[in-house]
Amino acid sequence: MSNPKHGWVVGLLAALCFAGMSVVVGHSDSTIHSGDYLFGRALFAVIAMLPFLYKHYRFDRDFNFFVVARGMVSTFVFLISFWLIQEIGSAPARTISATNPFFVFILGIFLFDEKLTKKKVLSITLFLVGLLFPIFGRDDPIEPWMLCVGLLGAALSGLSLSLLKLATQKSPERVILFTFGLIQLLVQLLAGPLLGNLPVQPRYEIVFGVGLWPCVAVGAFACAGQLLMSKSFRSMSSTAASLLNLTSIPLTYLIEYLVYGKTYGGIELLMSVALLLSLILQKV
């Protein structure tokens, strides 16, 4: 781990980008579905990275197992995430997906030989307890099946983040993002027609019509966030980096308040405090 302090700075910037992405999805035209956002995001990544890589990219070297596996898993993570944001709102959806550090924590023990310290256990436990407040204390309770879908997405996200940690040991960030975009496009174009009515296949008339600017904004925020998050995972433990990435949740609350005047209550404040304390435990 080269520079943990640098990892904290870029991790916070990545979280700000992901918060912006969540707000765009949560407040854009409801006719744009998750497959449209995913296609726009992946296409943006490929186009944005192509000028940096077209002379240096080698499929035999850069299309390695960890990058490919991460791209495939993350495709379904983003589909679940975008769908959930549209169903229950950006902040609640991000809250459910915030359980992913638990899965990263477990996988980190086996994949990276990260030590099972009392401080780490306390940090993860504190944050998971904090998540119980916004998930189960809402005035409009989340339906159990939606919660299960969200937790499945969180588990896949934990796997994706662990694969990202492995990928950063073999490939630079721009290669990871470019390959990630290519795989997402391939999965959508090949699997979309097989999945029937599920919102997987992009609708080009929406992506390049009413959804153009929201998809561009999502692509820009997501690409910047992915590049920065890859750098933070290169510099920090997977558990600390995944917790730091979740500062996007209170940042989502803040952006929605400043831009849309949307307010949140004490439940969200308790969750944010739990996250902050968890990060302090990781830092000390």
C-alpha atoms as a PDB file:
ATOM      1  CA  MET A   1       0.000   0.000   0.000  1.00  0.00           C
ATOM      2  CA  SER A   2       1.952   2.975  -1.331  1.00  0.00           C
ATOM      3  CA  ASN A   3       0.430   6.119   0.176  1.00  0.00           C
ATOM      4  CA  PRO A   4      -2.576   5.753   2.529  1.00  0.00           C
ATOM      5  CA  LYS A   5      -2.999   9.545   2.930  1.00  0.00           C
ATOM      6  CA  HIS A   6      -3.281   9.914  -0.842  1.00  0.00           C
ATOM      7  CA  GLY A   7      -5.804   7.046  -0.788  1.00  0.00           C
ATOM      8  CA  TRP A   8      -8.032   8.905   1.672  1.00  0.00           C
ATOM      9  CA  VAL A   9      -8.054  12.087  -0.424  1.00  0.00           C
ATOM     10  CA  VAL A  10      -8.841  10.410  -3.762  1.00  0.00           C
ATOM     11  CA  GLY A  11     -11.347   8.107  -2.017  1.00  0.00           C
ATOM     12  CA  LEU A  12     -13.321  11.117  -0.757  1.00  0.00           C
ATOM     13  CA  LEU A  13     -13.253  12.696  -4.219  1.00  0.00           C
ATOM     14  CA  ALA A  14     -14.509   9.403  -5.698  1.00  0.00           C
ATOM     15  CA  ALA A  15     -17.361   9.373  -3.181  1.00  0.00           C
ATOM     16  CA  LEU A  16     -18.332  12.908  -4.226  1.00  0.00           C
ATOM     17  CA  CYS A  17     -18.486  11.775  -7.868  1.00  0.00           C
ATOM     18  CA  PHE A  18     -20.680   8.770  -7.019  1.00  0.00           C
ATOM     19  CA  ALA A  19     -22.975  11.005  -4.960  1.00  0.00           C
ATOM     20  CA  GLY A  20     -23.398  13.245  -8.001  1.00  0.00           C
ATOM     21  CA  MET A  21     -24.196  10.200 -10.136  1.00  0.00           C
ATOM     22  CA  SER A  22     -26.861   9.007  -7.682  1.00  0.00           C
ATOM     23  CA  VAL A  23     -28.507  12.427  -7.581  1.00  0.00           C
ATOM     24  CA  VAL A  24     -28.635  12.641 -11.393  1.00  0.00           C
ATOM     25  CA  VAL A  25     -30.283   9.201 -11.657  1.00  0.00           C
ATOM     26  CA  GLY A  26     -32.713   9.943  -8.825  1.00  0.00           C
ATOM     27  CA  HIS A  27     -33.894  13.268 -10.280  1.00  0.00           C
ATOM     28  CA  SER A  28     -33.889  12.632 -14.044  1.00  0.00           C
ATOM     29  CA  ASP A  29     -36.779  11.665 -16.329  1.00  0.00           C
ATOM     30  CA  SER A  30     -38.380   8.425 -15.096  1.00  0.00           C
ATOM     31  CA  THR A  31     -38.617   7.102 -18.669  1.00  0.00           C
ATOM     32  CA  ILE A  32     -34.833   6.511 -18.611  1.00  0.00           C
ATOM     33  CA  HIS A  33     -34.309   3.020 -17.194  1.00  0.00           C
ATOM     34  CA  SER A  34     -31.246   1.322 -15.735  1.00  0.00           C
ATOM     35  CA  GLY A  35     -30.167  -0.284 -19.025  1.00  0.00           C
ATOM     36  CA  ASP A  36     -30.079   3.148 -20.686  1.00  0.00           C
ATOM     37  CA  TYR A  37     -27.908   4.604 -17.917  1.00  0.00           C
ATOM     38  CA  LEU A  38     -25.576   1.606 -17.969  1.00  0.00           C
ATOM     39  CA  PHE A  39     -25.104   1.818 -21.739  1.00  0.00           C
ATOM     40  CA  GLY A  40     -24.438   5.559 -21.600  1.00  0.00           C
ATOM     41  CA  ARG A  41     -22.001   5.100 -18.723  1.00  0.00           C
ATOM     42  CA  ALA A  42     -20.063   2.305 -20.460  1.00  0.00           C
ATOM     43  CA  LEU A  43     -19.962   4.093 -23.822  1.00  0.00           C
ATOM     44  CA  PHE A  44     -18.684   7.253 -22.112  1.00  0.00           C
ATOM     45  CA  ALA A  45     -15.900   5.245 -20.410  1.00  0.00           C
ATOM     46  CA  VAL A  46     -14.751   3.635 -23.667  1.00  0.00           C
ATOM     47  CA  ILE A  47     -14.779   6.927 -25.616  1.00  0.00           C
ATOM     48  CA  ALA A  48     -13.093   8.884 -22.804  1.00  0.00           C
ATOM     49  CA  MET A  49     -10.273   6.360 -22.315  1.00  0.00           C
ATOM     50  CA  LEU A  50      -9.663   5.512 -25.991  1.00  0.00           C
ATOM     51  CA  PRO A  51      -7.368   8.502 -26.736  1.00  0.00           C
ATOM     52  CA  PHE A  52      -5.079   7.448 -23.869  1.00  0.00           C
ATOM     53  CA  LEU A  53      -4.922   3.768 -24.766  1.00  0.00           C
ATOM     54  CA  TYR A  54      -5.353   3.232 -28.504  1.00  0.00           C
ATOM     55  CA  LYS A  55      -1.591   2.918 -29.103  1.00  0.00           C
ATOM     56  CA  HIS A  56      -0.798   0.962 -25.956  1.00  0.00           C
ATOM     57  CA  TYR A  57      -3.768  -1.330 -25.251  1.00  0.00           C
ATOM     58  CA  ARG A  58      -3.064  -5.034 -25.714  1.00  0.00           C
ATOM     59  CA  PHE A  59      -5.888  -7.548 -25.392  1.00  0.00           C
ATOM     60  CA  ASP A  60      -3.566 -10.412 -24.497  1.00  0.00           C
ATOM     61  CA  ARG A  61      -2.190  -8.424 -21.546  1.00  0.00           C
ATOM     62  CA  ASP A  62      -4.954  -6.037 -20.475  1.00  0.00           C
ATOM     63  CA  PHE A  63      -7.989  -8.297 -20.937  1.00  0.00           C
ATOM     64  CA  ASN A  64      -6.872 -10.312 -17.893  1.00  0.00           C
ATOM     65  CA  PHE A  65      -9.113 -12.434 -15.664  1.00  0.00           C
ATOM     66  CA  PHE A  66      -9.550 -10.002 -12.764  1.00  0.00           C
ATOM     67  CA  VAL A  67     -10.425  -7.039 -14.988  1.00  0.00           C
ATOM     68  CA  VAL A  68     -12.870  -9.127 -17.044  1.00  0.00           C
ATOM     69  CA  ALA A  69     -14.491 -10.698 -13.958  1.00  0.00           C
ATOM     70  CA  ARG A  70     -14.806  -7.309 -12.328  1.00  0.00           C
ATOM     71  CA  GLY A  71     -16.465  -5.882 -15.441  1.00  0.00           C
ATOM     72  CA  MET A  72     -19.016  -8.702 -15.650  1.00  0.00           C
ATOM     73  CA  VAL A  73     -19.949  -8.577 -11.957  1.00  0.00           C
ATOM     74  CA  SER A  74     -20.107  -4.775 -11.926  1.00  0.00           C
ATOM     75  CA  THR A  75     -22.477  -4.728 -14.895  1.00  0.00           C
ATOM     76  CA  PHE A  76     -25.156  -6.428 -12.807  1.00  0.00           C
ATOM     77  CA  VAL A  77     -24.270  -4.297  -9.755  1.00  0.00           C
ATOM     78  CA  PHE A  78     -24.942  -1.124 -11.741  1.00  0.00           C
ATOM     79  CA  LEU A  79     -28.177  -2.506 -13.206  1.00  0.00           C
ATOM     80  CA  ILE A  80     -29.468  -3.325  -9.719  1.00  0.00           C
ATOM     81  CA  SER A  81     -28.247   0.005  -8.350  1.00  0.00           C
ATOM     82  CA  PHE A  82     -29.849   2.159 -11.058  1.00  0.00           C
ATOM     83  CA  TRP A  83     -33.112   0.211 -10.850  1.00  0.00           C
ATOM     84  CA  LEU A  84     -33.242   0.518  -7.052  1.00  0.00           C
ATOM     85  CA  ILE A  85     -32.502   4.264  -7.157  1.00  0.00           C
ATOM     86  CA  GLN A  86     -35.474   4.755  -9.484  1.00  0.00           C
ATOM     87  CA  GLU A  87     -37.768   2.592  -7.317  1.00  0.00           C
ATOM     88  CA  ILE A  88     -37.030   3.929  -3.807  1.00  0.00           C
ATOM     89  CA  GLY A  89     -34.881   7.041  -4.318  1.00  0.00           C
ATOM     90  CA  SER A  90     -31.153   7.741  -4.470  1.00  0.00           C
ATOM     91  CA  ALA A  91     -30.328   7.978  -0.754  1.00  0.00           C
ATOM     92  CA  PRO A  92     -32.263   4.846   0.426  1.00  0.00           C
ATOM     93  CA  ALA A  93     -30.836   2.812  -2.467  1.00  0.00           C
ATOM     94  CA  ARG A  94     -27.307   3.911  -1.625  1.00  0.00           C
ATOM     95  CA  THR A  95     -27.970   3.029   2.024  1.00  0.00           C
ATOM     96  CA  ILE A  96     -28.861  -0.585   1.203  1.00  0.00           C
ATOM     97  CA  SER A  97     -25.876  -0.926  -1.123  1.00  0.00           C
ATOM     98  CA  ALA A  98     -23.752   0.439   1.720  1.00  0.00           C
ATOM     99  CA  THR A  99     -23.720  -2.996   3.327  1.00  0.00           C
ATOM    100  CA  ASN A 100     -21.043  -3.980   0.784  1.00  0.00           C
ATOM    101  CA  PRO A 101     -18.077  -3.316   3.180  1.00  0.00           C
ATOM    102  CA  PHE A 102     -19.240  -6.331   5.184  1.00  0.00           C
ATOM    103  CA  PHE A 103     -18.757  -8.546   2.132  1.00  0.00           C
ATOM    104  CA  VAL A 104     -15.475  -6.799   1.256  1.00  0.00           C
ATOM    105  CA  PHE A 105     -14.338  -7.365   4.840  1.00  0.00           C
ATOM    106  CA  ILE A 106     -15.045 -11.110   4.653  1.00  0.00           C
ATOM    107  CA  LEU A 107     -13.469 -11.511   1.210  1.00  0.00           C
ATOM    108  CA  GLY A 108     -10.437  -9.457   2.262  1.00  0.00           C
ATOM    109  CA  ILE A 109      -9.558 -12.013   4.920  1.00  0.00           C
ATOM    110  CA  PHE A 110      -9.349 -14.779   2.319  1.00  0.00           C
ATOM    111  CA  LEU A 111      -8.102 -12.903  -0.762  1.00  0.00           C
ATOM    112  CA  PHE A 112      -5.651 -10.371   0.697  1.00  0.00           C
ATOM    113  CA  ASP A 113      -4.700 -11.909   4.055  1.00  0.00           C
ATOM    114  CA  GLU A 114      -6.058  -8.823   5.798  1.00  0.00           C
ATOM    115  CA  LYS A 115      -5.894  -9.305   9.546  1.00  0.00           C
ATOM    116  CA  LEU A 116      -9.099  -9.832  11.506  1.00  0.00           C
ATOM    117  CA  THR A 117      -8.399  -7.142  14.109  1.00  0.00           C
ATOM    118  CA  LYS A 118     -10.756  -6.049  16.884  1.00  0.00           C
ATOM    119  CA  LYS A 119     -10.698  -2.523  15.469  1.00  0.00           C
ATOM    120  CA  LYS A 120     -11.884  -3.727  12.043  1.00  0.00           C
ATOM    121  CA  VAL A 121     -14.632  -5.900  13.528  1.00  0.00           C
ATOM    122  CA  LEU A 122     -15.823  -2.995  15.707  1.00  0.00           C
ATOM    123  CA  SER A 123     -15.690  -0.583  12.762  1.00  0.00           C
ATOM    124  CA  ILE A 124     -17.772  -2.806  10.449  1.00  0.00           C
ATOM    125  CA  THR A 125     -20.225  -3.740  13.230  1.00  0.00           C
ATOM    126  CA  LEU A 126     -20.744  -0.091  14.169  1.00  0.00           C
ATOM    127  CA  PHE A 127     -21.503   0.859  10.594  1.00  0.00           C
ATOM    128  CA  LEU A 128     -23.855  -2.081   9.974  1.00  0.00           C
ATOM    129  CA  VAL A 129     -25.798  -1.177  13.130  1.00  0.00           C
ATOM    130  CA  GLY A 130     -25.953   2.417  11.876  1.00  0.00           C
ATOM    131  CA  LEU A 131     -27.486   1.207   8.609  1.00  0.00           C
ATOM    132  CA  LEU A 132     -30.387  -0.406  10.467  1.00  0.00           C
ATOM    133  CA  PHE A 133     -31.812   3.041  11.259  1.00  0.00           C
ATOM    134  CA  PRO A 134     -32.396   4.343   7.693  1.00  0.00           C
ATOM    135  CA  ILE A 135     -33.322   0.906   6.313  1.00  0.00           C
ATOM    136  CA  PHE A 136     -35.906  -0.124   8.918  1.00  0.00           C
ATOM    137  CA  GLY A 137     -36.834   3.216  10.494  1.00  0.00           C
ATOM    138  CA  ARG A 138     -38.397   4.816   7.413  1.00  0.00           C
ATOM    139  CA  ASP A 139     -41.947   6.178   7.393  1.00  0.00           C
ATOM    140  CA  ASP A 140     -42.497   4.266   4.126  1.00  0.00           C
ATOM    141  CA  PRO A 141     -40.858   0.871   4.810  1.00  0.00           C
ATOM    142  CA  ILE A 142     -38.885  -0.758   2.013  1.00  0.00           C
ATOM    143  CA  GLU A 143     -40.620  -3.874   0.719  1.00  0.00           C
ATOM    144  CA  PRO A 144     -38.795  -7.073   1.770  1.00  0.00           C
ATOM    145  CA  TRP A 145     -38.241  -8.268  -1.805  1.00  0.00           C
ATOM    146  CA  MET A 146     -36.703  -4.907  -2.759  1.00  0.00           C
ATOM    147  CA  LEU A 147     -34.467  -5.145   0.300  1.00  0.00           C
ATOM    148  CA  CYS A 148     -33.364  -8.630  -0.794  1.00  0.00           C
ATOM    149  CA  VAL A 149     -32.566  -7.372  -4.305  1.00  0.00           C
ATOM    150  CA  GLY A 150     -30.596  -4.512  -2.765  1.00  0.00           C
ATOM    151  CA  LEU A 151     -28.618  -6.874  -0.520  1.00  0.00           C
ATOM    152  CA  LEU A 152     -27.866  -9.111  -3.514  1.00  0.00           C
ATOM    153  CA  GLY A 153     -26.514  -6.036  -5.266  1.00  0.00           C
ATOM    154  CA  ALA A 154     -24.444  -5.203  -2.167  1.00  0.00           C
ATOM    155  CA  ALA A 155     -22.957  -8.719  -2.085  1.00  0.00           C
ATOM    156  CA  LEU A 156     -22.074  -8.497  -5.791  1.00  0.00           C
ATOM    157  CA  SER A 157     -20.662  -5.023  -5.168  1.00  0.00           C
ATOM    158  CA  GLY A 158     -18.450  -6.431  -2.406  1.00  0.00           C
ATOM    159  CA  LEU A 159     -17.170  -9.052  -4.830  1.00  0.00           C
ATOM    160  CA  SER A 160     -16.656  -6.402  -7.509  1.00  0.00           C
ATOM    161  CA  LEU A 161     -14.634  -4.188  -5.148  1.00  0.00           C
ATOM    162  CA  SER A 162     -12.483  -7.144  -4.124  1.00  0.00           C
ATOM    163  CA  LEU A 163     -11.851  -7.928  -7.793  1.00  0.00           C
ATOM    164  CA  LEU A 164     -10.967  -4.252  -8.295  1.00  0.00           C
ATOM    165  CA  LYS A 165      -8.315  -4.546  -5.586  1.00  0.00           C
ATOM    166  CA  LEU A 166      -6.862  -7.563  -7.412  1.00  0.00           C
ATOM    167  CA  ALA A 167      -7.086  -5.809 -10.789  1.00  0.00           C
ATOM    168  CA  THR A 168      -5.155  -2.754  -9.547  1.00  0.00           C
ATOM    169  CA  GLN A 169      -2.246  -5.065  -8.750  1.00  0.00           C
ATOM    170  CA  LYS A 170      -1.986  -5.995 -12.445  1.00  0.00           C
ATOM    171  CA  SER A 171      -3.320  -3.082 -14.510  1.00  0.00           C
ATOM    172  CA  PRO A 172      -3.358   0.745 -14.408  1.00  0.00           C
ATOM    173  CA  GLU A 173      -6.604   2.566 -13.665  1.00  0.00           C
ATOM    174  CA  ARG A 174      -7.293   3.692 -17.249  1.00  0.00           C
ATOM    175  CA  VAL A 175      -6.935   0.143 -18.564  1.00  0.00           C
ATOM    176  CA  ILE A 176      -9.343  -1.131 -15.891  1.00  0.00           C
ATOM    177  CA  LEU A 177     -11.938   1.531 -16.746  1.00  0.00           C
ATOM    178  CA  PHE A 178     -11.656   1.012 -20.528  1.00  0.00           C
ATOM    179  CA  THR A 179     -11.946  -2.781 -20.255  1.00  0.00           C
ATOM    180  CA  PHE A 180     -14.755  -2.363 -17.732  1.00  0.00           C
ATOM    181  CA  GLY A 181     -16.702  -0.276 -20.273  1.00  0.00           C
ATOM    182  CA  LEU A 182     -16.092  -2.732 -23.114  1.00  0.00           C
ATOM    183  CA  ILE A 183     -17.340  -5.671 -21.063  1.00  0.00           C
ATOM    184  CA  GLN A 184     -20.437  -3.809 -19.924  1.00  0.00           C
ATOM    185  CA  LEU A 185     -21.312  -2.991 -23.524  1.00  0.00           C
ATOM    186  CA  LEU A 186     -20.788  -6.618 -24.572  1.00  0.00           C
ATOM    187  CA  VAL A 187     -22.866  -8.002 -21.683  1.00  0.00           C
ATOM    188  CA  GLN A 188     -25.705  -5.601 -22.438  1.00  0.00           C
ATOM    189  CA  LEU A 189     -25.736  -6.214 -26.172  1.00  0.00           C
ATOM    190  CA  LEU A 190     -25.442 -10.000 -25.875  1.00  0.00           C
ATOM    191  CA  ALA A 191     -27.477 -10.700 -22.722  1.00  0.00           C
ATOM    192  CA  GLY A 192     -30.076  -7.959 -23.093  1.00  0.00           C
ATOM    193  CA  PRO A 193     -32.208  -9.690 -25.744  1.00  0.00           C
ATOM    194  CA  LEU A 194     -32.185 -12.912 -23.686  1.00  0.00           C
ATOM    195  CA  LEU A 195     -33.550 -11.263 -20.538  1.00  0.00           C
ATOM    196  CA  GLY A 196     -36.913 -10.305 -21.959  1.00  0.00           C
ATOM    197  CA  ASN A 197     -38.658  -7.425 -20.224  1.00  0.00           C
ATOM    198  CA  LEU A 198     -35.931  -6.767 -17.657  1.00  0.00           C
ATOM    199  CA  PRO A 199     -34.462  -3.243 -18.098  1.00  0.00           C
ATOM    200  CA  VAL A 200     -31.084  -4.455 -19.389  1.00  0.00           C
ATOM    201  CA  GLN A 201     -31.047  -3.765 -23.118  1.00  0.00           C
ATOM    202  CA  PRO A 202     -30.515  -0.056 -23.941  1.00  0.00           C
ATOM    203  CA  ARG A 203     -33.149   1.859 -25.882  1.00  0.00           C
ATOM    204  CA  TYR A 204     -31.123   3.979 -28.269  1.00  0.00           C
ATOM    205  CA  GLU A 205     -33.964   6.410 -28.960  1.00  0.00           C
ATOM    206  CA  ILE A 206     -33.962   7.228 -25.214  1.00  0.00           C
ATOM    207  CA  VAL A 207     -30.172   7.239 -24.725  1.00  0.00           C
ATOM    208  CA  PHE A 208     -29.637   9.646 -27.636  1.00  0.00           C
ATOM    209  CA  GLY A 209     -32.906  11.523 -27.058  1.00  0.00           C
ATOM    210  CA  VAL A 210     -34.427  12.563 -23.755  1.00  0.00           C
ATOM    211  CA  GLY A 211     -31.780  10.636 -21.820  1.00  0.00           C
ATOM    212  CA  LEU A 212     -28.715  12.066 -23.583  1.00  0.00           C
ATOM    213  CA  TRP A 213     -27.602  14.635 -21.017  1.00  0.00           C
ATOM    214  CA  PRO A 214     -28.493  12.542 -17.937  1.00  0.00           C
ATOM    215  CA  CYS A 215     -26.542   9.606 -19.443  1.00  0.00           C
ATOM    216  CA  VAL A 216     -23.582  11.875 -20.232  1.00  0.00           C
ATOM    217  CA  ALA A 217     -23.652  13.256 -16.681  1.00  0.00           C
ATOM    218  CA  VAL A 218     -23.859   9.752 -15.202  1.00  0.00           C
ATOM    219  CA  GLY A 219     -20.993   8.651 -17.457  1.00  0.00           C
ATOM    220  CA  ALA A 220     -18.801  11.587 -16.446  1.00  0.00           C
ATOM    221  CA  PHE A 221     -19.446  11.204 -12.713  1.00  0.00           C
ATOM    222  CA  ALA A 222     -19.051   7.407 -12.842  1.00  0.00           C
ATOM    223  CA  CYS A 223     -15.816   7.480 -14.878  1.00  0.00           C
ATOM    224  CA  ALA A 224     -14.194  10.063 -12.627  1.00  0.00           C
ATOM    225  CA  GLY A 225     -15.375   8.124  -9.573  1.00  0.00           C
ATOM    226  CA  GLN A 226     -14.065   4.816 -10.916  1.00  0.00           C
ATOM    227  CA  LEU A 227     -10.628   6.238 -11.720  1.00  0.00           C
ATOM    228  CA  LEU A 228     -10.311   7.828  -8.293  1.00  0.00           C
ATOM    229  CA  MET A 229     -11.694   4.777  -6.477  1.00  0.00           C
ATOM    230  CA  SER A 230      -9.196   2.506  -8.261  1.00  0.00           C
ATOM    231  CA  LYS A 231      -6.383   4.743  -6.988  1.00  0.00           C
ATOM    232  CA  SER A 232      -7.730   4.590  -3.422  1.00  0.00           C
ATOM    233  CA  PHE A 233      -7.960   0.779  -3.546  1.00  0.00           C
ATOM    234  CA  ARG A 234      -4.355   0.673  -4.758  1.00  0.00           C
ATOM    235  CA  SER A 235      -3.242   2.714  -1.730  1.00  0.00           C
ATOM    236  CA  MET A 236      -5.429   1.350   1.101  1.00  0.00           C
ATOM    237  CA  SER A 237      -6.844  -1.852   2.548  1.00  0.00           C
ATOM    238  CA  SER A 238      -9.983  -3.030   0.748  1.00  0.00           C
ATOM    239  CA  THR A 239     -12.138  -2.643   3.893  1.00  0.00           C
ATOM    240  CA  ALA A 240     -11.028   0.950   4.583  1.00  0.00           C
ATOM    241  CA  ALA A 241     -11.386   1.938   0.914  1.00  0.00           C
ATOM    242  CA  SER A 242     -14.903   0.475   0.661  1.00  0.00           C
ATOM    243  CA  LEU A 243     -16.001   2.275   3.843  1.00  0.00           C
ATOM    244  CA  LEU A 244     -14.515   5.541   2.585  1.00  0.00           C
ATOM    245  CA  ASN A 245     -16.415   5.140  -0.688  1.00  0.00           C
ATOM    246  CA  LEU A 246     -19.654   5.146   1.327  1.00  0.00           C
ATOM    247  CA  THR A 247     -19.231   8.764   2.316  1.00  0.00           C
ATOM    248  CA  SER A 248     -21.132   9.183  -0.972  1.00  0.00           C
ATOM    249  CA  ILE A 249     -24.311   8.569   1.071  1.00  0.00           C
ATOM    250  CA  PRO A 250     -24.122  11.625   3.375  1.00  0.00           C
ATOM    251  CA  LEU A 251     -22.762  13.551   0.376  1.00  0.00           C
ATOM    252  CA  THR A 252     -25.905  12.531  -1.527  1.00  0.00           C
ATOM    253  CA  TYR A 253     -28.009  13.902   1.352  1.00  0.00           C
ATOM    254  CA  LEU A 254     -26.032  17.156   1.239  1.00  0.00           C
ATOM    255  CA  ILE A 255     -26.281  17.617  -2.542  1.00  0.00           C
ATOM    256  CA  GLU A 256     -30.032  16.888  -2.561  1.00  0.00           C
ATOM    257  CA  TYR A 257     -30.515  19.428   0.230  1.00  0.00           C
ATOM    258  CA  LEU A 258     -28.432  22.145  -1.462  1.00  0.00           C
ATOM    259  CA  VAL A 259     -29.809  21.614  -4.987  1.00  0.00           C
ATOM    260  CA  TYR A 260     -33.388  20.409  -4.407  1.00  0.00           C
ATOM    261  CA  GLY A 261     -34.100  21.495  -0.825  1.00  0.00           C
ATOM    262  CA  LYS A 262     -34.772  17.883   0.166  1.00  0.00           C
ATOM    263  CA  THR A 263     -34.366  17.312   3.895  1.00  0.00           C
ATOM    264  CA  TYR A 264     -33.588  14.173   5.875  1.00  0.00           C
ATOM    265  CA  GLY A 265     -34.276  13.416   9.525  1.00  0.00           C
ATOM    266  CA  GLY A 266     -32.411  12.114  12.536  1.00  0.00           C
ATOM    267  CA  ILE A 267     -32.345   8.550  11.190  1.00  0.00           C
ATOM    268  CA  GLU A 268     -30.085   9.509   8.286  1.00  0.00           C
ATOM    269  CA  LEU A 269     -27.991  11.629  10.654  1.00  0.00           C
ATOM    270  CA  LEU A 270     -27.443   8.621  12.943  1.00  0.00           C
ATOM    271  CA  MET A 271     -26.311   6.525   9.971  1.00  0.00           C
ATOM    272  CA  SER A 272     -23.917   9.259   8.846  1.00  0.00           C
ATOM    273  CA  VAL A 273     -22.454   9.526  12.365  1.00  0.00           C
ATOM    274  CA  ALA A 274     -21.990   5.737  12.467  1.00  0.00           C
ATOM    275  CA  LEU A 275     -20.140   5.899   9.138  1.00  0.00           C
ATOM    276  CA  LEU A 276     -17.931   8.730  10.391  1.00  0.00           C
ATOM    277  CA  LEU A 277     -17.046   6.809  13.566  1.00  0.00           C
ATOM    278  CA  SER A 278     -16.298   3.706  11.501  1.00  0.00           C
ATOM    279  CA  LEU A 279     -13.904   5.681   9.332  1.00  0.00           C
ATOM    280  CA  ILE A 280     -12.206   7.185  12.395  1.00  0.00           C
ATOM    281  CA  LEU A 281     -11.638   3.661  13.723  1.00  0.00           C
ATOM    282  CA  GLN A 282     -10.094   2.694  10.381  1.00  0.00           C
ATOM    283  CA  LYS A 283      -7.889   5.774  10.417  1.00  0.00           C
ATOM    284  CA  VAL A 284      -6.523   5.567  13.972  1.00  0.00           C
END
